[in-house]
Amino acid sequence: MLLLLVLPLLSLLLHDYAALIRSAIMVTMNEHRVSSGHEGRGWV
């Protein structure tokens, strides 16, 4: 019975966590692209 209450909350937390990770990855990739733009085009 308790598991049925915990599962939706857990899935919501995991979804939010995945969204946070995705946005963080996008931000770091953009910053890396900007910072490495002067040295060369090795990182895409």
PDB file of N, CA and C in Angstrom:
ATOM      1  N   MET A   1       0.829  -1.200   0.000  1.00  0.00           N
ATOM      2  CA  MET A   1       0.000   0.000   0.000  1.00  0.00           C
ATOM      3  C   MET A   1       0.874   1.265   0.000  1.00  0.00           C
ATOM      4  N   LEU A   2       1.908   1.237   0.823  1.00  0.00           N
ATOM      5  CA  LEU A   2       2.816   2.382   0.894  1.00  0.00           C
ATOM      6  C   LEU A   2       3.593   2.558  -0.412  1.00  0.00           C
ATOM      7  N   LEU A   3       3.914   1.441  -1.054  1.00  0.00           N
ATOM      8  CA  LEU A   3       4.672   1.488  -2.297  1.00  0.00           C
ATOM      9  C   LEU A   3       3.897   2.239  -3.380  1.00  0.00           C
ATOM     10  N   LEU A   4       2.579   2.073  -3.387  1.00  0.00           N
ATOM     11  CA  LEU A   4       1.751   2.759  -4.381  1.00  0.00           C
ATOM     12  C   LEU A   4       1.774   4.273  -4.177  1.00  0.00           C
ATOM     13  N   LEU A   5       1.994   4.711  -2.952  1.00  0.00           N
ATOM     14  CA  LEU A   5       2.082   6.145  -2.683  1.00  0.00           C
ATOM     15  C   LEU A   5       3.475   6.686  -3.009  1.00  0.00           C
ATOM     16  N   VAL A   6       4.482   5.855  -2.826  1.00  0.00           N
ATOM     17  CA  VAL A   6       5.862   6.308  -3.023  1.00  0.00           C
ATOM     18  C   VAL A   6       6.250   6.345  -4.505  1.00  0.00           C
ATOM     19  N   LEU A   7       5.757   5.405  -5.285  1.00  0.00           N
ATOM     20  CA  LEU A   7       6.154   5.312  -6.688  1.00  0.00           C
ATOM     21  C   LEU A   7       5.900   6.578  -7.511  1.00  0.00           C
ATOM     22  N   PRO A   8       4.708   7.189  -7.432  1.00  0.00           N
ATOM     23  CA  PRO A   8       4.505   8.422  -8.218  1.00  0.00           C
ATOM     24  C   PRO A   8       5.442   9.545  -7.792  1.00  0.00           C
ATOM     25  N   LEU A   9       5.684   9.675  -6.490  1.00  0.00           N
ATOM     26  CA  LEU A   9       6.606  10.704  -6.011  1.00  0.00           C
ATOM     27  C   LEU A   9       8.016  10.433  -6.505  1.00  0.00           C
ATOM     28  N   LEU A  10       8.409   9.165  -6.486  1.00  0.00           N
ATOM     29  CA  LEU A  10       9.746   8.799  -6.925  1.00  0.00           C
ATOM     30  C   LEU A  10       9.923   9.092  -8.415  1.00  0.00           C
ATOM     31  N   SER A  11       8.894   8.779  -9.200  1.00  0.00           N
ATOM     32  CA  SER A  11       8.992   9.029 -10.642  1.00  0.00           C
ATOM     33  C   SER A  11       9.052  10.526 -10.931  1.00  0.00           C
ATOM     34  N   LEU A  12       8.314  11.320 -10.142  1.00  0.00           N
ATOM     35  CA  LEU A  12       8.372  12.773 -10.317  1.00  0.00           C
ATOM     36  C   LEU A  12       9.755  13.302  -9.976  1.00  0.00           C
ATOM     37  N   LEU A  13      10.324  12.803  -8.886  1.00  0.00           N
ATOM     38  CA  LEU A  13      11.656  13.241  -8.485  1.00  0.00           C
ATOM     39  C   LEU A  13      12.685  12.868  -9.542  1.00  0.00           C
ATOM     40  N   LEU A  14      12.587  11.649 -10.069  1.00  0.00           N
ATOM     41  CA  LEU A  14      13.540  11.212 -11.082  1.00  0.00           C
ATOM     42  C   LEU A  14      13.395  12.042 -12.354  1.00  0.00           C
ATOM     43  N   HIS A  15      12.158  12.388 -12.699  1.00  0.00           N
ATOM     44  CA  HIS A  15      11.935  13.182 -13.901  1.00  0.00           C
ATOM     45  C   HIS A  15      12.532  14.570 -13.734  1.00  0.00           C
ATOM     46  N   ASP A  16      12.314  15.178 -12.574  1.00  0.00           N
ATOM     47  CA  ASP A  16      12.886  16.502 -12.314  1.00  0.00           C
ATOM     48  C   ASP A  16      14.406  16.433 -12.301  1.00  0.00           C
ATOM     49  N   TYR A  17      14.939  15.367 -11.720  1.00  0.00           N
ATOM     50  CA  TYR A  17      16.385  15.204 -11.640  1.00  0.00           C
ATOM     51  C   TYR A  17      16.988  15.057 -13.034  1.00  0.00           C
ATOM     52  N   ALA A  18      16.309  14.288 -13.885  1.00  0.00           N
ATOM     53  CA  ALA A  18      16.788  14.104 -15.255  1.00  0.00           C
ATOM     54  C   ALA A  18      16.745  15.428 -16.020  1.00  0.00           C
ATOM     55  N   ALA A  19      15.709  16.219 -15.780  1.00  0.00           N
ATOM     56  CA  ALA A  19      15.600  17.513 -16.456  1.00  0.00           C
ATOM     57  C   ALA A  19      16.712  18.452 -15.991  1.00  0.00           C
ATOM     58  N   LEU A  20      17.008  18.420 -14.694  1.00  0.00           N
ATOM     59  CA  LEU A  20      18.087  19.244 -14.164  1.00  0.00           C
ATOM     60  C   LEU A  20      19.426  18.845 -14.761  1.00  0.00           C
ATOM     61  N   ILE A  21      19.676  17.535 -14.836  1.00  0.00           N
ATOM     62  CA  ILE A  21      20.932  17.041 -15.403  1.00  0.00           C
ATOM     63  C   ILE A  21      21.039  17.447 -16.872  1.00  0.00           C
ATOM     64  N   ARG A  22      19.917  17.322 -17.596  1.00  0.00           N
ATOM     65  CA  ARG A  22      19.930  17.654 -19.019  1.00  0.00           C
ATOM     66  C   ARG A  22      20.249  19.141 -19.215  1.00  0.00           C
ATOM     67  N   SER A  23      19.617  19.994 -18.417  1.00  0.00           N
ATOM     68  CA  SER A  23      19.869  21.434 -18.558  1.00  0.00           C
ATOM     69  C   SER A  23      21.299  21.773 -18.143  1.00  0.00           C
ATOM     70  N   ALA A  24      21.808  21.097 -17.116  1.00  0.00           N
ATOM     71  CA  ALA A  24      23.177  21.344 -16.672  1.00  0.00           C
ATOM     72  C   ALA A  24      24.170  20.929 -17.758  1.00  0.00           C
ATOM     73  N   ILE A  25      23.893  19.802 -18.417  1.00  0.00           N
ATOM     74  CA  ILE A  25      24.767  19.334 -19.495  1.00  0.00           C
ATOM     75  C   ILE A  25      24.744  20.325 -20.651  1.00  0.00           C
ATOM     76  N   MET A  26      23.570  20.851 -20.983  1.00  0.00           N
ATOM     77  CA  MET A  26      23.468  21.817 -22.065  1.00  0.00           C
ATOM     78  C   MET A  26      24.269  23.082 -21.736  1.00  0.00           C
ATOM     79  N   VAL A  27      24.173  23.536 -20.489  1.00  0.00           N
ATOM     80  CA  VAL A  27      24.889  24.743 -20.075  1.00  0.00           C
ATOM     81  C   VAL A  27      26.401  24.519 -20.139  1.00  0.00           C
ATOM     82  N   THR A  28      26.862  23.389 -19.627  1.00  0.00           N
ATOM     83  CA  THR A  28      28.304  23.128 -19.620  1.00  0.00           C
ATOM     84  C   THR A  28      28.822  22.942 -21.043  1.00  0.00           C
ATOM     85  N   MET A  29      28.033  22.321 -21.903  1.00  0.00           N
ATOM     86  CA  MET A  29      28.458  22.143 -23.291  1.00  0.00           C
ATOM     87  C   MET A  29      28.567  23.500 -23.984  1.00  0.00           C
ATOM     88  N   ASN A  30      27.607  24.391 -23.733  1.00  0.00           N
ATOM     89  CA  ASN A  30      27.654  25.727 -24.342  1.00  0.00           C
ATOM     90  C   ASN A  30      28.850  26.504 -23.834  1.00  0.00           C
ATOM     91  N   GLU A  31      29.116  26.443 -22.540  1.00  0.00           N
ATOM     92  CA  GLU A  31      30.260  27.157 -21.974  1.00  0.00           C
ATOM     93  C   GLU A  31      31.566  26.600 -22.528  1.00  0.00           C
ATOM     94  N   HIS A  32      31.638  25.280 -22.661  1.00  0.00           N
ATOM     95  CA  HIS A  32      32.861  24.661 -23.182  1.00  0.00           C
ATOM     96  C   HIS A  32      33.077  25.059 -24.636  1.00  0.00           C
ATOM     97  N   ARG A  33      32.001  25.127 -25.401  1.00  0.00           N
ATOM     98  CA  ARG A  33      32.110  25.496 -26.807  1.00  0.00           C
ATOM     99  C   ARG A  33      32.597  26.937 -26.923  1.00  0.00           C
ATOM    100  N   VAL A  34      32.092  27.803 -26.054  1.00  0.00           N
ATOM    101  CA  VAL A  34      32.492  29.209 -26.090  1.00  0.00           C
ATOM    102  C   VAL A  34      33.946  29.368 -25.659  1.00  0.00           C
ATOM    103  N   SER A  35      34.329  28.658 -24.605  1.00  0.00           N
ATOM    104  CA  SER A  35      35.685  28.824 -24.066  1.00  0.00           C
ATOM    105  C   SER A  35      36.728  28.207 -24.993  1.00  0.00           C
ATOM    106  N   SER A  36      36.373  27.146 -25.723  1.00  0.00           N
ATOM    107  CA  SER A  36      37.351  26.475 -26.572  1.00  0.00           C
ATOM    108  C   SER A  36      37.266  26.961 -28.027  1.00  0.00           C
ATOM    109  N   GLY A  37      36.466  27.983 -28.271  1.00  0.00           N
ATOM    110  CA  GLY A  37      36.296  28.465 -29.640  1.00  0.00           C
ATOM    111  C   GLY A  37      37.554  29.119 -30.182  1.00  0.00           C
ATOM    112  N   HIS A  38      38.383  29.703 -29.313  1.00  0.00           N
ATOM    113  CA  HIS A  38      39.565  30.434 -29.783  1.00  0.00           C
ATOM    114  C   HIS A  38      40.721  29.490 -30.113  1.00  0.00           C
ATOM    115  N   GLU A  39      40.827  28.403 -29.358  1.00  0.00           N
ATOM    116  CA  GLU A  39      41.977  27.518 -29.543  1.00  0.00           C
ATOM    117  C   GLU A  39      41.858  26.664 -30.802  1.00  0.00           C
ATOM    118  N   GLY A  40      40.649  26.149 -31.048  1.00  0.00           N
ATOM    119  CA  GLY A  40      40.481  25.301 -32.219  1.00  0.00           C
ATOM    120  C   GLY A  40      39.088  24.718 -32.271  1.00  0.00           C
ATOM    121  N   ARG A  41      38.810  24.031 -33.372  1.00  0.00           N
ATOM    122  CA  ARG A  41      37.477  23.464 -33.555  1.00  0.00           C
ATOM    123  C   ARG A  41      37.456  21.969 -33.224  1.00  0.00           C
ATOM    124  N   GLY A  42      38.332  21.527 -32.339  1.00  0.00           N
ATOM    125  CA  GLY A  42      38.396  20.093 -32.028  1.00  0.00           C
ATOM    126  C   GLY A  42      37.148  19.597 -31.316  1.00  0.00           C
ATOM    127  N   TRP A  43      36.616  20.433 -30.399  1.00  0.00           N
ATOM    128  CA  TRP A  43      35.422  20.029 -29.652  1.00  0.00           C
ATOM    129  C   TRP A  43      34.187  20.597 -30.323  1.00  0.00           C
ATOM    130  N   VAL A  44      33.256  19.721 -30.630  1.00  0.00           N
ATOM    131  CA  VAL A  44      32.024  20.153 -31.303  1.00  0.00           C
ATOM    132  C   VAL A  44      30.840  19.824 -30.419  1.00  0.00           C
TER     133      VAL A  44
END
